[in-house]
Amino acid sequence: ISSMWGHVAGGFSGNVSYHATKGAVVMLTKALAVEWGRHGI
């Protein structure tokens, strides 16, 4: 579970750690998909 704030920034209040971690989850998802895809995951 990431967030749209992993794709775009929001300007309603300071929440930089949430944005940064959710953006990282989006890329972590891609990296794991590529690494484990041939293993059926």
PDB file of all heavy atoms in Angstrom:
ATOM      1  N   ILE A   1       0.860  -1.179   0.000  1.00  0.00           N
ATOM      2  CA  ILE A   1       0.000   0.000   0.000  1.00  0.00           C
ATOM      3  C   ILE A   1       0.899   1.232   0.000  1.00  0.00           C
ATOM      4  O   ILE A   1       1.578   1.527   0.989  1.00  0.00           O
ATOM      5  CB  ILE A   1      -0.948   0.018   1.216  1.00  0.00           C
ATOM      6  CG1 ILE A   1      -1.803  -1.253   1.234  1.00  0.00           C
ATOM      7  CG2 ILE A   1      -1.841   1.267   1.158  1.00  0.00           C
ATOM      8  CD1 ILE A   1      -2.664  -1.483   0.002  1.00  0.00           C
ATOM      9  N   SER A   2       0.919   1.921  -1.113  1.00  0.00           N
ATOM     10  CA  SER A   2       1.693   3.154  -1.229  1.00  0.00           C
ATOM     11  C   SER A   2       0.733   4.328  -1.044  1.00  0.00           C
ATOM     12  O   SER A   2      -0.011   4.361  -0.070  1.00  0.00           O
ATOM     13  CB  SER A   2       2.437   3.208  -2.567  1.00  0.00           C
ATOM     14  OG  SER A   2       1.534   3.184  -3.659  1.00  0.00           O
ATOM     15  N   SER A   3       0.729   5.263  -1.955  1.00  0.00           N
ATOM     16  CA  SER A   3      -0.142   6.432  -1.863  1.00  0.00           C
ATOM     17  C   SER A   3       0.006   7.228  -3.152  1.00  0.00           C
ATOM     18  O   SER A   3       1.049   7.159  -3.814  1.00  0.00           O
ATOM     19  CB  SER A   3       0.263   7.312  -0.672  1.00  0.00           C
ATOM     20  OG  SER A   3      -0.424   8.558  -0.689  1.00  0.00           O
ATOM     21  N   MET A   4      -1.025   7.995  -3.475  1.00  0.00           N
ATOM     22  CA  MET A   4      -0.839   8.919  -4.606  1.00  0.00           C
ATOM     23  C   MET A   4       0.272   9.906  -4.281  1.00  0.00           C
ATOM     24  O   MET A   4       0.907  10.462  -5.179  1.00  0.00           O
ATOM     25  CB  MET A   4      -2.135   9.651  -4.934  1.00  0.00           C
ATOM     26  CG  MET A   4      -2.635  10.630  -3.897  1.00  0.00           C
ATOM     27  SD  MET A   4      -4.188  11.386  -4.456  1.00  0.00           S
ATOM     28  CE  MET A   4      -4.435  12.619  -3.174  1.00  0.00           C
ATOM     29  N   TRP A   5       0.566  10.103  -2.964  1.00  0.00           N
ATOM     30  CA  TRP A   5       1.658  10.988  -2.572  1.00  0.00           C
ATOM     31  C   TRP A   5       3.024  10.343  -2.825  1.00  0.00           C
ATOM     32  O   TRP A   5       4.049  10.962  -2.609  1.00  0.00           O
ATOM     33  CB  TRP A   5       1.540  11.385  -1.105  1.00  0.00           C
ATOM     34  CG  TRP A   5       0.312  12.180  -0.789  1.00  0.00           C
ATOM     35  CD1 TRP A   5      -0.538  11.972   0.257  1.00  0.00           C
ATOM     36  CD2 TRP A   5      -0.217  13.311  -1.500  1.00  0.00           C
ATOM     37  NE1 TRP A   5      -1.565  12.882   0.234  1.00  0.00           N
ATOM     38  CE2 TRP A   5      -1.388  13.719  -0.840  1.00  0.00           C
ATOM     39  CE3 TRP A   5       0.176  13.994  -2.651  1.00  0.00           C
ATOM     40  CZ2 TRP A   5      -2.168  14.785  -1.275  1.00  0.00           C
ATOM     41  CZ3 TRP A   5      -0.601  15.062  -3.092  1.00  0.00           C
ATOM     42  CH2 TRP A   5      -1.749  15.445  -2.410  1.00  0.00           C
ATOM     43  N   GLY A   6       3.029   9.132  -3.314  1.00  0.00           N
ATOM     44  CA  GLY A   6       4.260   8.542  -3.810  1.00  0.00           C
ATOM     45  C   GLY A   6       4.498   8.861  -5.267  1.00  0.00           C
ATOM     46  O   GLY A   6       5.552   8.542  -5.816  1.00  0.00           O
ATOM     47  N   HIS A   7       3.506   9.521  -5.901  1.00  0.00           N
ATOM     48  CA  HIS A   7       3.596   9.895  -7.308  1.00  0.00           C
ATOM     49  C   HIS A   7       3.650  11.407  -7.514  1.00  0.00           C
ATOM     50  O   HIS A   7       4.288  11.890  -8.443  1.00  0.00           O
ATOM     51  CB  HIS A   7       2.383   9.339  -8.076  1.00  0.00           C
ATOM     52  CG  HIS A   7       2.365   7.853  -8.179  1.00  0.00           C
ATOM     53  ND1 HIS A   7       2.856   7.173  -9.277  1.00  0.00           N
ATOM     54  CD2 HIS A   7       1.918   6.895  -7.332  1.00  0.00           C
ATOM     55  CE1 HIS A   7       2.716   5.872  -9.100  1.00  0.00           C
ATOM     56  NE2 HIS A   7       2.139   5.676  -7.920  1.00  0.00           N
ATOM     57  N   VAL A   8       2.952  12.144  -6.664  1.00  0.00           N
ATOM     58  CA  VAL A   8       2.920  13.600  -6.755  1.00  0.00           C
ATOM     59  C   VAL A   8       3.083  14.175  -5.353  1.00  0.00           C
ATOM     60  O   VAL A   8       2.824  13.498  -4.357  1.00  0.00           O
ATOM     61  CB  VAL A   8       1.599  14.116  -7.375  1.00  0.00           C
ATOM     62  CG1 VAL A   8       1.463  13.661  -8.822  1.00  0.00           C
ATOM     63  CG2 VAL A   8       0.395  13.658  -6.548  1.00  0.00           C
ATOM     64  N   ALA A   9       3.509  15.423  -5.271  1.00  0.00           N
ATOM     65  CA  ALA A   9       3.681  16.078  -3.975  1.00  0.00           C
ATOM     66  C   ALA A   9       2.408  16.810  -3.579  1.00  0.00           C
ATOM     67  O   ALA A   9       1.665  17.296  -4.436  1.00  0.00           O
ATOM     68  CB  ALA A   9       4.854  17.056  -4.020  1.00  0.00           C
ATOM     69  N   GLY A  10       2.160  16.889  -2.280  1.00  0.00           N
ATOM     70  CA  GLY A  10       0.993  17.601  -1.779  1.00  0.00           C
ATOM     71  C   GLY A  10       1.416  18.796  -0.953  1.00  0.00           C
ATOM     72  O   GLY A  10       2.366  18.718  -0.179  1.00  0.00           O
ATOM     73  N   GLY A  11       0.708  19.887  -1.095  1.00  0.00           N
ATOM     74  CA  GLY A  11       1.134  21.117  -0.441  1.00  0.00           C
ATOM     75  C   GLY A  11       0.251  21.573   0.686  1.00  0.00           C
ATOM     76  O   GLY A  11       0.191  22.769   0.988  1.00  0.00           O
ATOM     77  N   PHE A  12      -0.460  20.641   1.346  1.00  0.00           N
ATOM     78  CA  PHE A  12      -1.404  21.051   2.386  1.00  0.00           C
ATOM     79  C   PHE A  12      -0.738  21.236   3.738  1.00  0.00           C
ATOM     80  O   PHE A  12      -1.137  22.053   4.536  1.00  0.00           O
ATOM     81  CB  PHE A  12      -2.541  20.030   2.502  1.00  0.00           C
ATOM     82  CG  PHE A  12      -3.245  19.806   1.202  1.00  0.00           C
ATOM     83  CD1 PHE A  12      -3.155  18.596   0.539  1.00  0.00           C
ATOM     84  CD2 PHE A  12      -3.968  20.827   0.597  1.00  0.00           C
ATOM     85  CE1 PHE A  12      -3.793  18.394  -0.665  1.00  0.00           C
ATOM     86  CE2 PHE A  12      -4.600  20.636  -0.610  1.00  0.00           C
ATOM     87  CZ  PHE A  12      -4.508  19.419  -1.244  1.00  0.00           C
ATOM     88  N   SER A  13       0.280  20.461   4.015  1.00  0.00           N
ATOM     89  CA  SER A  13       1.010  20.590   5.278  1.00  0.00           C
ATOM     90  C   SER A  13       2.303  19.817   5.142  1.00  0.00           C
ATOM     91  O   SER A  13       2.462  18.982   4.258  1.00  0.00           O
ATOM     92  CB  SER A  13       0.182  20.036   6.448  1.00  0.00           C
ATOM     93  OG  SER A  13      -0.083  18.661   6.268  1.00  0.00           O
ATOM     94  N   GLY A  14       3.256  20.091   6.023  1.00  0.00           N
ATOM     95  CA  GLY A  14       4.525  19.391   5.963  1.00  0.00           C
ATOM     96  C   GLY A  14       4.354  17.907   6.225  1.00  0.00           C
ATOM     97  O   GLY A  14       3.849  17.520   7.277  1.00  0.00           O
ATOM     98  N   ASN A  15       4.747  17.097   5.279  1.00  0.00           N
ATOM     99  CA  ASN A  15       4.600  15.647   5.438  1.00  0.00           C
ATOM    100  C   ASN A  15       5.670  14.934   4.619  1.00  0.00           C
ATOM    101  O   ASN A  15       5.417  13.946   3.960  1.00  0.00           O
ATOM    102  CB  ASN A  15       3.202  15.212   4.986  1.00  0.00           C
ATOM    103  CG  ASN A  15       2.754  13.919   5.655  1.00  0.00           C
ATOM    104  OD1 ASN A  15       3.448  13.376   6.505  1.00  0.00           O
ATOM    105  ND2 ASN A  15       1.603  13.422   5.253  1.00  0.00           N
ATOM    106  N   VAL A  16       6.892  15.489   4.661  1.00  0.00           N
ATOM    107  CA  VAL A  16       7.939  15.041   3.740  1.00  0.00           C
ATOM    108  C   VAL A  16       8.324  13.591   3.968  1.00  0.00           C
ATOM    109  O   VAL A  16       8.620  12.868   2.998  1.00  0.00           O
ATOM    110  CB  VAL A  16       9.174  15.967   3.844  1.00  0.00           C
ATOM    111  CG1 VAL A  16       9.861  15.820   5.195  1.00  0.00           C
ATOM    112  CG2 VAL A  16      10.149  15.701   2.710  1.00  0.00           C
ATOM    113  N   SER A  17       8.309  13.114   5.198  1.00  0.00           N
ATOM    114  CA  SER A  17       8.704  11.727   5.445  1.00  0.00           C
ATOM    115  C   SER A  17       7.690  10.754   4.849  1.00  0.00           C
ATOM    116  O   SER A  17       8.076   9.687   4.341  1.00  0.00           O
ATOM    117  CB  SER A  17       8.862  11.474   6.944  1.00  0.00           C
ATOM    118  OG  SER A  17       7.684  11.807   7.647  1.00  0.00           O
ATOM    119  N   TYR A  18       6.422  11.120   4.877  1.00  0.00           N
ATOM    120  CA  TYR A  18       5.390  10.269   4.291  1.00  0.00           C
ATOM    121  C   TYR A  18       5.560  10.221   2.779  1.00  0.00           C
ATOM    122  O   TYR A  18       5.546   9.146   2.160  1.00  0.00           O
ATOM    123  CB  TYR A  18       4.005  10.799   4.665  1.00  0.00           C
ATOM    124  CG  TYR A  18       2.868   9.885   4.263  1.00  0.00           C
ATOM    125  CD1 TYR A  18       2.522   8.810   5.063  1.00  0.00           C
ATOM    126  CD2 TYR A  18       2.146  10.093   3.095  1.00  0.00           C
ATOM    127  CE1 TYR A  18       1.468   7.962   4.720  1.00  0.00           C
ATOM    128  CE2 TYR A  18       1.100   9.261   2.731  1.00  0.00           C
ATOM    129  CZ  TYR A  18       0.765   8.196   3.545  1.00  0.00           C
ATOM    130  OH  TYR A  18      -0.260   7.355   3.196  1.00  0.00           O
ATOM    131  N   HIS A  19       5.727  11.408   2.147  1.00  0.00           N
ATOM    132  CA  HIS A  19       5.932  11.451   0.697  1.00  0.00           C
ATOM    133  C   HIS A  19       7.141  10.627   0.294  1.00  0.00           C
ATOM    134  O   HIS A  19       7.092   9.842  -0.668  1.00  0.00           O
ATOM    135  CB  HIS A  19       6.133  12.900   0.238  1.00  0.00           C
ATOM    136  CG  HIS A  19       4.876  13.693   0.139  1.00  0.00           C
ATOM    137  ND1 HIS A  19       4.238  14.198   1.235  1.00  0.00           N
ATOM    138  CD2 HIS A  19       4.144  14.078  -0.939  1.00  0.00           C
ATOM    139  CE1 HIS A  19       3.174  14.863   0.849  1.00  0.00           C
ATOM    140  NE2 HIS A  19       3.087  14.795  -0.471  1.00  0.00           N
ATOM    141  N   ALA A  20       8.243  10.813   0.999  1.00  0.00           N
ATOM    142  CA  ALA A  20       9.479  10.130   0.631  1.00  0.00           C
ATOM    143  C   ALA A  20       9.354   8.618   0.752  1.00  0.00           C
ATOM    144  O   ALA A  20       9.809   7.870  -0.122  1.00  0.00           O
ATOM    145  CB  ALA A  20      10.622  10.636   1.504  1.00  0.00           C
ATOM    146  N   THR A  21       8.744   8.161   1.835  1.00  0.00           N
ATOM    147  CA  THR A  21       8.636   6.713   2.027  1.00  0.00           C
ATOM    148  C   THR A  21       7.649   6.089   1.051  1.00  0.00           C
ATOM    149  O   THR A  21       7.888   4.982   0.551  1.00  0.00           O
ATOM    150  CB  THR A  21       8.222   6.378   3.467  1.00  0.00           C
ATOM    151  OG1 THR A  21       7.042   7.115   3.834  1.00  0.00           O
ATOM    152  CG2 THR A  21       9.332   6.729   4.439  1.00  0.00           C
ATOM    153  N   LYS A  22       6.558   6.768   0.758  1.00  0.00           N
ATOM    154  CA  LYS A  22       5.597   6.194  -0.184  1.00  0.00           C
ATOM    155  C   LYS A  22       6.157   6.184  -1.611  1.00  0.00           C
ATOM    156  O   LYS A  22       5.908   5.255  -2.382  1.00  0.00           O
ATOM    157  CB  LYS A  22       4.269   6.950  -0.118  1.00  0.00           C
ATOM    158  CG  LYS A  22       3.524   6.756   1.198  1.00  0.00           C
ATOM    159  CD  LYS A  22       3.234   5.290   1.480  1.00  0.00           C
ATOM    160  CE  LYS A  22       2.414   5.092   2.741  1.00  0.00           C
ATOM    161  NZ  LYS A  22       2.097   3.675   3.003  1.00  0.00           N
ATOM    162  N   GLY A  23       6.942   7.202  -1.965  1.00  0.00           N
ATOM    163  CA  GLY A  23       7.614   7.171  -3.254  1.00  0.00           C
ATOM    164  C   GLY A  23       8.607   6.022  -3.317  1.00  0.00           C
ATOM    165  O   GLY A  23       8.743   5.346  -4.348  1.00  0.00           O
ATOM    166  N   ALA A  24       9.297   5.779  -2.217  1.00  0.00           N
ATOM    167  CA  ALA A  24      10.244   4.670  -2.163  1.00  0.00           C
ATOM    168  C   ALA A  24       9.529   3.323  -2.276  1.00  0.00           C
ATOM    169  O   ALA A  24      10.056   2.388  -2.897  1.00  0.00           O
ATOM    170  CB  ALA A  24      11.045   4.738  -0.869  1.00  0.00           C
ATOM    171  N   VAL A  25       8.344   3.215  -1.706  1.00  0.00           N
ATOM    172  CA  VAL A  25       7.585   1.964  -1.811  1.00  0.00           C
ATOM    173  C   VAL A  25       7.217   1.683  -3.269  1.00  0.00           C
ATOM    174  O   VAL A  25       7.253   0.527  -3.727  1.00  0.00           O
ATOM    175  CB  VAL A  25       6.326   2.015  -0.919  1.00  0.00           C
ATOM    176  CG1 VAL A  25       5.360   0.886  -1.259  1.00  0.00           C
ATOM    177  CG2 VAL A  25       6.718   1.939   0.549  1.00  0.00           C
ATOM    178  N   VAL A  26       6.863   2.731  -4.022  1.00  0.00           N
ATOM    179  CA  VAL A  26       6.551   2.547  -5.448  1.00  0.00           C
ATOM    180  C   VAL A  26       7.756   1.967  -6.179  1.00  0.00           C
ATOM    181  O   VAL A  26       7.626   1.029  -6.976  1.00  0.00           O
ATOM    182  CB  VAL A  26       6.109   3.879  -6.079  1.00  0.00           C
ATOM    183  CG1 VAL A  26       5.979   3.742  -7.596  1.00  0.00           C
ATOM    184  CG2 VAL A  26       4.779   4.340  -5.477  1.00  0.00           C
ATOM    185  N   MET A  27       8.947   2.485  -5.921  1.00  0.00           N
ATOM    186  CA  MET A  27      10.139   1.973  -6.603  1.00  0.00           C
ATOM    187  C   MET A  27      10.564   0.628  -6.048  1.00  0.00           C
ATOM    188  O   MET A  27      11.038  -0.242  -6.800  1.00  0.00           O
ATOM    189  CB  MET A  27      11.277   2.989  -6.496  1.00  0.00           C
ATOM    190  CG  MET A  27      12.506   2.588  -7.301  1.00  0.00           C
ATOM    191  SD  MET A  27      12.159   2.124  -9.030  1.00  0.00           S
ATOM    192  CE  MET A  27      11.641   3.719  -9.680  1.00  0.00           C
ATOM    193  N   LEU A  28      10.402   0.405  -4.753  1.00  0.00           N
ATOM    194  CA  LEU A  28      10.690  -0.907  -4.176  1.00  0.00           C
ATOM    195  C   LEU A  28       9.814  -1.970  -4.834  1.00  0.00           C
ATOM    196  O   LEU A  28      10.282  -3.080  -5.138  1.00  0.00           O
ATOM    197  CB  LEU A  28      10.446  -0.878  -2.667  1.00  0.00           C
ATOM    198  CG  LEU A  28      10.642  -2.196  -1.905  1.00  0.00           C
ATOM    199  CD1 LEU A  28      12.088  -2.665  -1.983  1.00  0.00           C
ATOM    200  CD2 LEU A  28      10.210  -2.034  -0.444  1.00  0.00           C
ATOM    201  N   THR A  29       8.569  -1.630  -5.061  1.00  0.00           N
ATOM    202  CA  THR A  29       7.645  -2.541  -5.735  1.00  0.00           C
ATOM    203  C   THR A  29       8.183  -2.944  -7.100  1.00  0.00           C
ATOM    204  O   THR A  29       8.201  -4.131  -7.462  1.00  0.00           O
ATOM    205  CB  THR A  29       6.265  -1.873  -5.883  1.00  0.00           C
ATOM    206  OG1 THR A  29       5.709  -1.641  -4.579  1.00  0.00           O
ATOM    207  CG2 THR A  29       5.316  -2.729  -6.689  1.00  0.00           C
ATOM    208  N   LYS A  30       8.624  -1.980  -7.875  1.00  0.00           N
ATOM    209  CA  LYS A  30       9.152  -2.272  -9.212  1.00  0.00           C
ATOM    210  C   LYS A  30      10.401  -3.145  -9.137  1.00  0.00           C
ATOM    211  O   LYS A  30      10.562  -4.111  -9.895  1.00  0.00           O
ATOM    212  CB  LYS A  30       9.461  -0.965  -9.947  1.00  0.00           C
ATOM    213  CG  LYS A  30       8.248  -0.111 -10.262  1.00  0.00           C
ATOM    214  CD  LYS A  30       8.676   1.190 -10.931  1.00  0.00           C
ATOM    215  CE  LYS A  30       7.481   2.108 -11.171  1.00  0.00           C
ATOM    216  NZ  LYS A  30       6.560   1.555 -12.180  1.00  0.00           N
ATOM    217  N   ALA A  31      11.306  -2.800  -8.223  1.00  0.00           N
ATOM    218  CA  ALA A  31      12.554  -3.550  -8.107  1.00  0.00           C
ATOM    219  C   ALA A  31      12.297  -5.007  -7.721  1.00  0.00           C
ATOM    220  O   ALA A  31      12.902  -5.934  -8.284  1.00  0.00           O
ATOM    221  CB  ALA A  31      13.472  -2.875  -7.089  1.00  0.00           C
ATOM    222  N   LEU A  32      11.409  -5.233  -6.763  1.00  0.00           N
ATOM    223  CA  LEU A  32      11.110  -6.594  -6.345  1.00  0.00           C
ATOM    224  C   LEU A  32      10.378  -7.361  -7.439  1.00  0.00           C
ATOM    225  O   LEU A  32      10.596  -8.571  -7.612  1.00  0.00           O
ATOM    226  CB  LEU A  32      10.286  -6.583  -5.066  1.00  0.00           C
ATOM    227  CG  LEU A  32      10.974  -6.022  -3.818  1.00  0.00           C
ATOM    228  CD1 LEU A  32      10.035  -6.078  -2.616  1.00  0.00           C
ATOM    229  CD2 LEU A  32      12.272  -6.752  -3.515  1.00  0.00           C
ATOM    230  N   ALA A  33       9.504  -6.673  -8.172  1.00  0.00           N
ATOM    231  CA  ALA A  33       8.786  -7.330  -9.268  1.00  0.00           C
ATOM    232  C   ALA A  33       9.759  -7.854 -10.314  1.00  0.00           C
ATOM    233  O   ALA A  33       9.609  -8.971 -10.831  1.00  0.00           O
ATOM    234  CB  ALA A  33       7.798  -6.348  -9.901  1.00  0.00           C
ATOM    235  N   VAL A  34      10.758  -7.060 -10.634  1.00  0.00           N
ATOM    236  CA  VAL A  34      11.749  -7.480 -11.629  1.00  0.00           C
ATOM    237  C   VAL A  34      12.615  -8.615 -11.082  1.00  0.00           C
ATOM    238  O   VAL A  34      12.900  -9.602 -11.771  1.00  0.00           O
ATOM    239  CB  VAL A  34      12.624  -6.281 -12.055  1.00  0.00           C
ATOM    240  CG1 VAL A  34      13.790  -6.737 -12.924  1.00  0.00           C
ATOM    241  CG2 VAL A  34      11.774  -5.247 -12.800  1.00  0.00           C
ATOM    242  N   GLU A  35      13.016  -8.500  -9.818  1.00  0.00           N
ATOM    243  CA  GLU A  35      13.899  -9.511  -9.229  1.00  0.00           C
ATOM    244  C   GLU A  35      13.217 -10.856  -9.065  1.00  0.00           C
ATOM    245  O   GLU A  35      13.824 -11.916  -9.305  1.00  0.00           O
ATOM    246  CB  GLU A  35      14.410  -9.014  -7.879  1.00  0.00           C
ATOM    247  CG  GLU A  35      15.365  -9.975  -7.187  1.00  0.00           C
ATOM    248  CD  GLU A  35      15.916  -9.430  -5.882  1.00  0.00           C
ATOM    249  OE1 GLU A  35      15.675  -8.244  -5.576  1.00  0.00           O
ATOM    250  OE2 GLU A  35      16.598 -10.197  -5.172  1.00  0.00           O
ATOM    251  N   TRP A  36      11.953 -10.843  -8.642  1.00  0.00           N
ATOM    252  CA  TRP A  36      11.278 -12.089  -8.283  1.00  0.00           C
ATOM    253  C   TRP A  36      10.309 -12.589  -9.342  1.00  0.00           C
ATOM    254  O   TRP A  36       9.719 -13.672  -9.184  1.00  0.00           O
ATOM    255  CB  TRP A  36      10.534 -11.902  -6.965  1.00  0.00           C
ATOM    256  CG  TRP A  36      11.444 -11.748  -5.782  1.00  0.00           C
ATOM    257  CD1 TRP A  36      12.739 -12.170  -5.669  1.00  0.00           C
ATOM    258  CD2 TRP A  36      11.116 -11.133  -4.525  1.00  0.00           C
ATOM    259  NE1 TRP A  36      13.245 -11.862  -4.437  1.00  0.00           N
ATOM    260  CE2 TRP A  36      12.286 -11.223  -3.704  1.00  0.00           C
ATOM    261  CE3 TRP A  36       9.974 -10.520  -4.010  1.00  0.00           C
ATOM    262  CZ2 TRP A  36      12.315 -10.724  -2.398  1.00  0.00           C
ATOM    263  CZ3 TRP A  36      10.004 -10.014  -2.716  1.00  0.00           C
ATOM    264  CH2 TRP A  36      11.163 -10.113  -1.925  1.00  0.00           C
ATOM    265  N   GLY A  37      10.131 -11.847 -10.416  1.00  0.00           N
ATOM    266  CA  GLY A  37       9.145 -12.245 -11.421  1.00  0.00           C
ATOM    267  C   GLY A  37       9.369 -13.638 -11.985  1.00  0.00           C
ATOM    268  O   GLY A  37       8.424 -14.419 -12.149  1.00  0.00           O
ATOM    269  N   ARG A  38      10.604 -13.978 -12.295  1.00  0.00           N
ATOM    270  CA  ARG A  38      10.905 -15.289 -12.873  1.00  0.00           C
ATOM    271  C   ARG A  38      10.755 -16.425 -11.866  1.00  0.00           C
ATOM    272  O   ARG A  38      10.864 -17.600 -12.234  1.00  0.00           O
ATOM    273  CB  ARG A  38      12.306 -15.292 -13.481  1.00  0.00           C
ATOM    274  CG  ARG A  38      12.419 -14.385 -14.699  1.00  0.00           C
ATOM    275  CD  ARG A  38      13.749 -14.534 -15.409  1.00  0.00           C
ATOM    276  NE  ARG A  38      13.821 -13.629 -16.542  1.00  0.00           N
ATOM    277  CZ  ARG A  38      13.327 -13.891 -17.751  1.00  0.00           C
ATOM    278  NH1 ARG A  38      12.721 -15.052 -17.964  1.00  0.00           N
ATOM    279  NH2 ARG A  38      13.429 -13.021 -18.737  1.00  0.00           N
ATOM    280  N   HIS A  39      10.526 -16.071 -10.631  1.00  0.00           N
ATOM    281  CA  HIS A  39      10.296 -17.075  -9.595  1.00  0.00           C
ATOM    282  C   HIS A  39       8.804 -17.203  -9.256  1.00  0.00           C
ATOM    283  O   HIS A  39       8.446 -17.815  -8.246  1.00  0.00           O
ATOM    284  CB  HIS A  39      11.087 -16.722  -8.341  1.00  0.00           C
ATOM    285  CG  HIS A  39      12.554 -16.637  -8.573  1.00  0.00           C
ATOM    286  ND1 HIS A  39      13.366 -17.747  -8.693  1.00  0.00           N
ATOM    287  CD2 HIS A  39      13.372 -15.556  -8.741  1.00  0.00           C
ATOM    288  CE1 HIS A  39      14.618 -17.369  -8.905  1.00  0.00           C
ATOM    289  NE2 HIS A  39      14.647 -16.047  -8.938  1.00  0.00           N
ATOM    290  N   GLY A  40       7.953 -16.609 -10.072  1.00  0.00           N
ATOM    291  CA  GLY A  40       6.512 -16.753  -9.895  1.00  0.00           C
ATOM    292  C   GLY A  40       5.885 -15.816  -8.891  1.00  0.00           C
ATOM    293  O   GLY A  40       4.718 -15.997  -8.516  1.00  0.00           O
ATOM    294  N   ILE A  41       6.635 -14.811  -8.438  1.00  0.00           N
ATOM    295  CA  ILE A  41       6.099 -13.868  -7.452  1.00  0.00           C
ATOM    296  C   ILE A  41       5.772 -12.553  -8.140  1.00  0.00           C
ATOM    297  O   ILE A  41       6.626 -11.958  -8.807  1.00  0.00           O
ATOM    298  CB  ILE A  41       7.113 -13.616  -6.321  1.00  0.00           C
ATOM    299  CG1 ILE A  41       7.460 -14.936  -5.623  1.00  0.00           C
ATOM    300  CG2 ILE A  41       6.556 -12.604  -5.313  1.00  0.00           C
ATOM    301  CD1 ILE A  41       8.573 -14.807  -4.593  1.00  0.00           C
TER     302      ILE A  41
END
